[in-house]
Amino acid sequence: MVNINEFYCKGCYLCAHNCPKQIIAPSSKRNGKGYVVPFVTSPEECSNCKTCELICPEMAIVVEEGVN
C-alpha cells in the first residue's frame, strides 16, 4: 500500500513519472501549502517496488509491503 503524506508533498510528481505500473496520478486536491497532491489510482495493482518511496525528494511516501 502506498501512503502519501500530503503535508510533506510538494507536487513534483516524480513518483507518478517513475511508477512502473503508472498508478499514481494528480488529484483534484491541494494540500495546506497549495500543492496539488498525487493519489494512487489502482492500489491493488501496486507491486510494492518502492520506486515512488525512493524517488520522493520530500520523503512523503511510504510503501507498506503486503498490504493492498
PDB file of N, CA and C in Angstrom:
ATOM      1  N   MET A   1       0.839  -1.177   0.000  1.00  0.00           N
ATOM      2  CA  MET A   1       0.000   0.000   0.000  1.00  0.00           C
ATOM      3  C   MET A   1       0.886   1.244   0.000  1.00  0.00           C
ATOM      4  N   VAL A   2       0.560   2.177  -0.850  1.00  0.00           N
ATOM      5  CA  VAL A   2       1.301   3.431  -0.957  1.00  0.00           C
ATOM      6  C   VAL A   2       0.607   4.476  -0.092  1.00  0.00           C
ATOM      7  N   ASN A   3       1.346   5.023   0.860  1.00  0.00           N
ATOM      8  CA  ASN A   3       0.825   6.083   1.716  1.00  0.00           C
ATOM      9  C   ASN A   3       1.542   7.376   1.369  1.00  0.00           C
ATOM     10  N   ILE A   4       0.770   8.372   0.929  1.00  0.00           N
ATOM     11  CA  ILE A   4       1.331   9.667   0.567  1.00  0.00           C
ATOM     12  C   ILE A   4       0.957  10.665   1.654  1.00  0.00           C
ATOM     13  N   ASN A   5       1.969  11.212   2.315  1.00  0.00           N
ATOM     14  CA  ASN A   5       1.737  12.216   3.345  1.00  0.00           C
ATOM     15  C   ASN A   5       1.561  13.562   2.636  1.00  0.00           C
ATOM     16  N   GLU A   6       0.324  13.994   2.532  1.00  0.00           N
ATOM     17  CA  GLU A   6       0.003  15.199   1.783  1.00  0.00           C
ATOM     18  C   GLU A   6       0.640  16.450   2.379  1.00  0.00           C
ATOM     19  N   PHE A   7       0.902  16.447   3.661  1.00  0.00           N
ATOM     20  CA  PHE A   7       1.513  17.599   4.323  1.00  0.00           C
ATOM     21  C   PHE A   7       2.912  17.878   3.765  1.00  0.00           C
ATOM     22  N   TYR A   8       3.679  16.818   3.519  1.00  0.00           N
ATOM     23  CA  TYR A   8       5.058  16.970   3.048  1.00  0.00           C
ATOM     24  C   TYR A   8       5.180  17.055   1.533  1.00  0.00           C
ATOM     25  N   CYS A   9       4.188  16.577   0.803  1.00  0.00           N
ATOM     26  CA  CYS A   9       4.239  16.541  -0.663  1.00  0.00           C
ATOM     27  C   CYS A   9       4.301  17.948  -1.237  1.00  0.00           C
ATOM     28  N   LYS A  10       5.171  18.116  -2.251  1.00  0.00           N
ATOM     29  CA  LYS A  10       5.284  19.401  -2.931  1.00  0.00           C
ATOM     30  C   LYS A  10       4.848  19.309  -4.390  1.00  0.00           C
ATOM     31  N   GLY A  11       4.154  18.244  -4.734  1.00  0.00           N
ATOM     32  CA  GLY A  11       3.565  18.130  -6.063  1.00  0.00           C
ATOM     33  C   GLY A  11       4.543  18.049  -7.213  1.00  0.00           C
ATOM     34  N   CYS A  12       5.699  17.449  -7.006  1.00  0.00           N
ATOM     35  CA  CYS A  12       6.682  17.345  -8.090  1.00  0.00           C
ATOM     36  C   CYS A  12       6.336  16.219  -9.069  1.00  0.00           C
ATOM     37  N   TYR A  13       5.574  15.261  -8.637  1.00  0.00           N
ATOM     38  CA  TYR A  13       5.127  14.113  -9.432  1.00  0.00           C
ATOM     39  C   TYR A  13       6.239  13.212  -9.937  1.00  0.00           C
ATOM     40  N   LEU A  14       7.393  13.249  -9.281  1.00  0.00           N
ATOM     41  CA  LEU A  14       8.434  12.285  -9.622  1.00  0.00           C
ATOM     42  C   LEU A  14       7.921  10.871  -9.373  1.00  0.00           C
ATOM     43  N   CYS A  15       7.094  10.714  -8.365  1.00  0.00           N
ATOM     44  CA  CYS A  15       6.513   9.402  -8.061  1.00  0.00           C
ATOM     45  C   CYS A  15       5.672   8.905  -9.236  1.00  0.00           C
ATOM     46  N   ALA A  16       4.829   9.774  -9.764  1.00  0.00           N
ATOM     47  CA  ALA A  16       3.953   9.395 -10.881  1.00  0.00           C
ATOM     48  C   ALA A  16       4.748   9.113 -12.149  1.00  0.00           C
ATOM     49  N   HIS A  17       5.743   9.936 -12.427  1.00  0.00           N
ATOM     50  CA  HIS A  17       6.534   9.775 -13.651  1.00  0.00           C
ATOM     51  C   HIS A  17       7.412   8.527 -13.618  1.00  0.00           C
ATOM     52  N   ASN A  18       7.750   8.053 -12.428  1.00  0.00           N
ATOM     53  CA  ASN A  18       8.662   6.911 -12.313  1.00  0.00           C
ATOM     54  C   ASN A  18       7.987   5.613 -11.892  1.00  0.00           C
ATOM     55  N   CYS A  19       6.706   5.640 -11.636  1.00  0.00           N
ATOM     56  CA  CYS A  19       5.992   4.418 -11.237  1.00  0.00           C
ATOM     57  C   CYS A  19       5.925   3.457 -12.420  1.00  0.00           C
ATOM     58  N   PRO A  20       6.482   2.252 -12.282  1.00  0.00           N
ATOM     59  CA  PRO A  20       6.468   1.313 -13.410  1.00  0.00           C
ATOM     60  C   PRO A  20       5.061   0.847 -13.778  1.00  0.00           C
ATOM     61  N   LYS A  21       4.132   0.906 -12.847  1.00  0.00           N
ATOM     62  CA  LYS A  21       2.752   0.494 -13.115  1.00  0.00           C
ATOM     63  C   LYS A  21       1.868   1.672 -13.542  1.00  0.00           C
ATOM     64  N   GLN A  22       2.414   2.895 -13.447  1.00  0.00           N
ATOM     65  CA  GLN A  22       1.670   4.112 -13.816  1.00  0.00           C
ATOM     66  C   GLN A  22       0.334   4.217 -13.074  1.00  0.00           C
ATOM     67  N   ILE A  23       0.386   3.986 -11.749  1.00  0.00           N
ATOM     68  CA  ILE A  23      -0.842   4.026 -10.950  1.00  0.00           C
ATOM     69  C   ILE A  23      -0.911   5.240 -10.022  1.00  0.00           C
ATOM     70  N   ILE A  24       0.005   6.192 -10.183  1.00  0.00           N
ATOM     71  CA  ILE A  24      -0.021   7.422  -9.393  1.00  0.00           C
ATOM     72  C   ILE A  24      -0.329   8.570 -10.343  1.00  0.00           C
ATOM     73  N   ALA A  25      -1.311   9.389  -9.954  1.00  0.00           N
ATOM     74  CA  ALA A  25      -1.755  10.473 -10.826  1.00  0.00           C
ATOM     75  C   ALA A  25      -2.094  11.715  -9.998  1.00  0.00           C
ATOM     76  N   PRO A  26      -2.167  12.880 -10.643  1.00  0.00           N
ATOM     77  CA  PRO A  26      -2.580  14.088  -9.926  1.00  0.00           C
ATOM     78  C   PRO A  26      -4.026  13.959  -9.455  1.00  0.00           C
ATOM     79  N   SER A  27      -4.289  14.490  -8.297  1.00  0.00           N
ATOM     80  CA  SER A  27      -5.661  14.517  -7.795  1.00  0.00           C
ATOM     81  C   SER A  27      -6.233  15.907  -8.014  1.00  0.00           C
ATOM     82  N   SER A  28      -7.416  16.128  -7.542  1.00  0.00           N
ATOM     83  CA  SER A  28      -8.014  17.463  -7.607  1.00  0.00           C
ATOM     84  C   SER A  28      -7.869  18.168  -6.267  1.00  0.00           C
ATOM     85  N   LYS A  29      -7.083  17.571  -5.384  1.00  0.00           N
ATOM     86  CA  LYS A  29      -6.929  18.054  -4.015  1.00  0.00           C
ATOM     87  C   LYS A  29      -5.616  18.823  -3.845  1.00  0.00           C
ATOM     88  N   ARG A  30      -5.674  19.907  -3.093  1.00  0.00           N
ATOM     89  CA  ARG A  30      -4.473  20.672  -2.746  1.00  0.00           C
ATOM     90  C   ARG A  30      -4.195  20.504  -1.255  1.00  0.00           C
ATOM     91  N   ASN A  31      -2.909  20.484  -0.914  1.00  0.00           N
ATOM     92  CA  ASN A  31      -2.559  20.410   0.498  1.00  0.00           C
ATOM     93  C   ASN A  31      -2.548  21.822   1.089  1.00  0.00           C
ATOM     94  N   GLY A  32      -2.205  21.946   2.344  1.00  0.00           N
ATOM     95  CA  GLY A  32      -2.206  23.228   3.032  1.00  0.00           C
ATOM     96  C   GLY A  32      -1.246  24.250   2.452  1.00  0.00           C
ATOM     97  N   LYS A  33      -0.260  23.778   1.694  1.00  0.00           N
ATOM     98  CA  LYS A  33       0.722  24.678   1.079  1.00  0.00           C
ATOM     99  C   LYS A  33       0.320  25.076  -0.342  1.00  0.00           C
ATOM    100  N   GLY A  34      -0.794  24.526  -0.815  1.00  0.00           N
ATOM    101  CA  GLY A  34      -1.284  24.861  -2.153  1.00  0.00           C
ATOM    102  C   GLY A  34      -0.841  23.936  -3.258  1.00  0.00           C
ATOM    103  N   TYR A  35      -0.081  22.900  -2.939  1.00  0.00           N
ATOM    104  CA  TYR A  35       0.390  21.962  -3.958  1.00  0.00           C
ATOM    105  C   TYR A  35      -0.698  20.944  -4.285  1.00  0.00           C
ATOM    106  N   VAL A  36      -0.858  20.636  -5.555  1.00  0.00           N
ATOM    107  CA  VAL A  36      -1.781  19.577  -5.970  1.00  0.00           C
ATOM    108  C   VAL A  36      -1.087  18.252  -5.688  1.00  0.00           C
ATOM    109  N   VAL A  37      -1.710  17.439  -4.861  1.00  0.00           N
ATOM    110  CA  VAL A  37      -1.077  16.196  -4.421  1.00  0.00           C
ATOM    111  C   VAL A  37      -1.512  15.015  -5.292  1.00  0.00           C
ATOM    112  N   PRO A  38      -0.646  14.017  -5.417  1.00  0.00           N
ATOM    113  CA  PRO A  38      -0.998  12.829  -6.194  1.00  0.00           C
ATOM    114  C   PRO A  38      -1.831  11.846  -5.369  1.00  0.00           C
ATOM    115  N   PHE A  39      -2.411  10.891  -6.065  1.00  0.00           N
ATOM    116  CA  PHE A  39      -3.105   9.790  -5.401  1.00  0.00           C
ATOM    117  C   PHE A  39      -2.870   8.513  -6.185  1.00  0.00           C
ATOM    118  N   VAL A  40      -3.134   7.391  -5.543  1.00  0.00           N
ATOM    119  CA  VAL A  40      -2.944   6.087  -6.172  1.00  0.00           C
ATOM    120  C   VAL A  40      -4.260   5.695  -6.831  1.00  0.00           C
ATOM    121  N   THR A  41      -4.245   5.544  -8.140  1.00  0.00           N
ATOM    122  CA  THR A  41      -5.464   5.264  -8.891  1.00  0.00           C
ATOM    123  C   THR A  41      -5.944   3.827  -8.737  1.00  0.00           C
ATOM    124  N   SER A  42      -5.017   2.891  -8.633  1.00  0.00           N
ATOM    125  CA  SER A  42      -5.352   1.462  -8.534  1.00  0.00           C
ATOM    126  C   SER A  42      -4.450   0.794  -7.510  1.00  0.00           C
ATOM    127  N   PRO A  43      -4.741   0.962  -6.218  1.00  0.00           N
ATOM    128  CA  PRO A  43      -3.851   0.409  -5.193  1.00  0.00           C
ATOM    129  C   PRO A  43      -3.631  -1.104  -5.311  1.00  0.00           C
ATOM    130  N   GLU A  44      -4.624  -1.809  -5.829  1.00  0.00           N
ATOM    131  CA  GLU A  44      -4.500  -3.265  -5.959  1.00  0.00           C
ATOM    132  C   GLU A  44      -3.459  -3.672  -6.992  1.00  0.00           C
ATOM    133  N   GLU A  45      -3.088  -2.757  -7.881  1.00  0.00           N
ATOM    134  CA  GLU A  45      -2.086  -3.046  -8.904  1.00  0.00           C
ATOM    135  C   GLU A  45      -0.660  -2.748  -8.444  1.00  0.00           C
ATOM    136  N   CYS A  46      -0.507  -2.139  -7.285  1.00  0.00           N
ATOM    137  CA  CYS A  46       0.820  -1.802  -6.771  1.00  0.00           C
ATOM    138  C   CYS A  46       1.623  -3.076  -6.509  1.00  0.00           C
ATOM    139  N   SER A  47       2.856  -3.107  -6.991  1.00  0.00           N
ATOM    140  CA  SER A  47       3.721  -4.277  -6.807  1.00  0.00           C
ATOM    141  C   SER A  47       4.675  -4.107  -5.624  1.00  0.00           C
ATOM    142  N   ASN A  48       4.514  -3.020  -4.875  1.00  0.00           N
ATOM    143  CA  ASN A  48       5.378  -2.728  -3.716  1.00  0.00           C
ATOM    144  C   ASN A  48       6.851  -2.623  -4.098  1.00  0.00           C
ATOM    145  N   CYS A  49       7.130  -2.077  -5.270  1.00  0.00           N
ATOM    146  CA  CYS A  49       8.518  -1.946  -5.723  1.00  0.00           C
ATOM    147  C   CYS A  49       9.263  -0.828  -4.993  1.00  0.00           C
ATOM    148  N   LYS A  50       8.526   0.093  -4.396  1.00  0.00           N
ATOM    149  CA  LYS A  50       9.060   1.208  -3.608  1.00  0.00           C
ATOM    150  C   LYS A  50       9.778   2.263  -4.442  1.00  0.00           C
ATOM    151  N   THR A  51       9.605   2.255  -5.749  1.00  0.00           N
ATOM    152  CA  THR A  51      10.222   3.281  -6.578  1.00  0.00           C
ATOM    153  C   THR A  51       9.746   4.659  -6.155  1.00  0.00           C
ATOM    154  N   CYS A  52       8.462   4.805  -5.923  1.00  0.00           N
ATOM    155  CA  CYS A  52       7.905   6.102  -5.528  1.00  0.00           C
ATOM    156  C   CYS A  52       8.482   6.569  -4.193  1.00  0.00           C
ATOM    157  N   GLU A  53       8.612   5.645  -3.264  1.00  0.00           N
ATOM    158  CA  GLU A  53       9.173   5.969  -1.949  1.00  0.00           C
ATOM    159  C   GLU A  53      10.630   6.411  -2.068  1.00  0.00           C
ATOM    160  N   LEU A  54      11.388   5.715  -2.879  1.00  0.00           N
ATOM    161  CA  LEU A  54      12.808   6.016  -3.025  1.00  0.00           C
ATOM    162  C   LEU A  54      13.072   7.307  -3.789  1.00  0.00           C
ATOM    163  N   ILE A  55      12.207   7.643  -4.738  1.00  0.00           N
ATOM    164  CA  ILE A  55      12.440   8.821  -5.587  1.00  0.00           C
ATOM    165  C   ILE A  55      11.901  10.113  -4.976  1.00  0.00           C
ATOM    166  N   CYS A  56      11.027  10.022  -4.006  1.00  0.00           N
ATOM    167  CA  CYS A  56      10.392  11.214  -3.434  1.00  0.00           C
ATOM    168  C   CYS A  56      11.413  12.074  -2.674  1.00  0.00           C
ATOM    169  N   PRO A  57      11.675  13.300  -3.153  1.00  0.00           N
ATOM    170  CA  PRO A  57      12.677  14.139  -2.506  1.00  0.00           C
ATOM    171  C   PRO A  57      12.241  14.662  -1.134  1.00  0.00           C
ATOM    172  N   GLU A  58      10.950  14.633  -0.875  1.00  0.00           N
ATOM    173  CA  GLU A  58      10.425  15.131   0.403  1.00  0.00           C
ATOM    174  C   GLU A  58      10.173  14.010   1.412  1.00  0.00           C
ATOM    175  N   MET A  59      10.455  12.771   1.015  1.00  0.00           N
ATOM    176  CA  MET A  59      10.181  11.594   1.848  1.00  0.00           C
ATOM    177  C   MET A  59       8.734  11.579   2.320  1.00  0.00           C
ATOM    178  N   ALA A  60       7.837  11.920   1.413  1.00  0.00           N
ATOM    179  CA  ALA A  60       6.399  11.999   1.702  1.00  0.00           C
ATOM    180  C   ALA A  60       5.675  10.694   1.419  1.00  0.00           C
ATOM    181  N   ILE A  61       6.399   9.691   0.937  1.00  0.00           N
ATOM    182  CA  ILE A  61       5.750   8.418   0.559  1.00  0.00           C
ATOM    183  C   ILE A  61       6.362   7.268   1.325  1.00  0.00           C
ATOM    184  N   VAL A  62       5.476   6.406   1.838  1.00  0.00           N
ATOM    185  CA  VAL A  62       5.899   5.179   2.495  1.00  0.00           C
ATOM    186  C   VAL A  62       5.092   4.041   1.873  1.00  0.00           C
ATOM    187  N   VAL A  63       5.773   3.000   1.454  1.00  0.00           N
ATOM    188  CA  VAL A  63       5.125   1.831   0.893  1.00  0.00           C
ATOM    189  C   VAL A  63       5.144   0.731   1.940  1.00  0.00           C
ATOM    190  N   GLU A  64       3.962   0.264   2.305  1.00  0.00           N
ATOM    191  CA  GLU A  64       3.843  -0.840   3.262  1.00  0.00           C
ATOM    192  C   GLU A  64       3.706  -2.132   2.473  1.00  0.00           C
ATOM    193  N   GLU A  65       4.612  -3.044   2.714  1.00  0.00           N
ATOM    194  CA  GLU A  65       4.581  -4.317   1.994  1.00  0.00           C
ATOM    195  C   GLU A  65       3.487  -5.233   2.521  1.00  0.00           C
ATOM    196  N   GLY A  66       2.914  -5.981   1.607  1.00  0.00           N
ATOM    197  CA  GLY A  66       1.921  -6.982   1.980  1.00  0.00           C
ATOM    198  C   GLY A  66       0.563  -6.428   2.337  1.00  0.00           C
ATOM    199  N   VAL A  67       0.352  -5.135   2.160  1.00  0.00           N
ATOM    200  CA  VAL A  67      -0.932  -4.525   2.476  1.00  0.00           C
ATOM    201  C   VAL A  67      -1.470  -3.885   1.204  1.00  0.00           C
ATOM    202  N   ASN A  68      -2.490  -4.484   0.615  1.00  0.00           N
ATOM    203  CA  ASN A  68      -3.123  -3.922  -0.589  1.00  0.00           C
ATOM    204  C   ASN A  68      -4.593  -3.824  -0.394  1.00  0.00           C
TER     205      ASN A  68
END
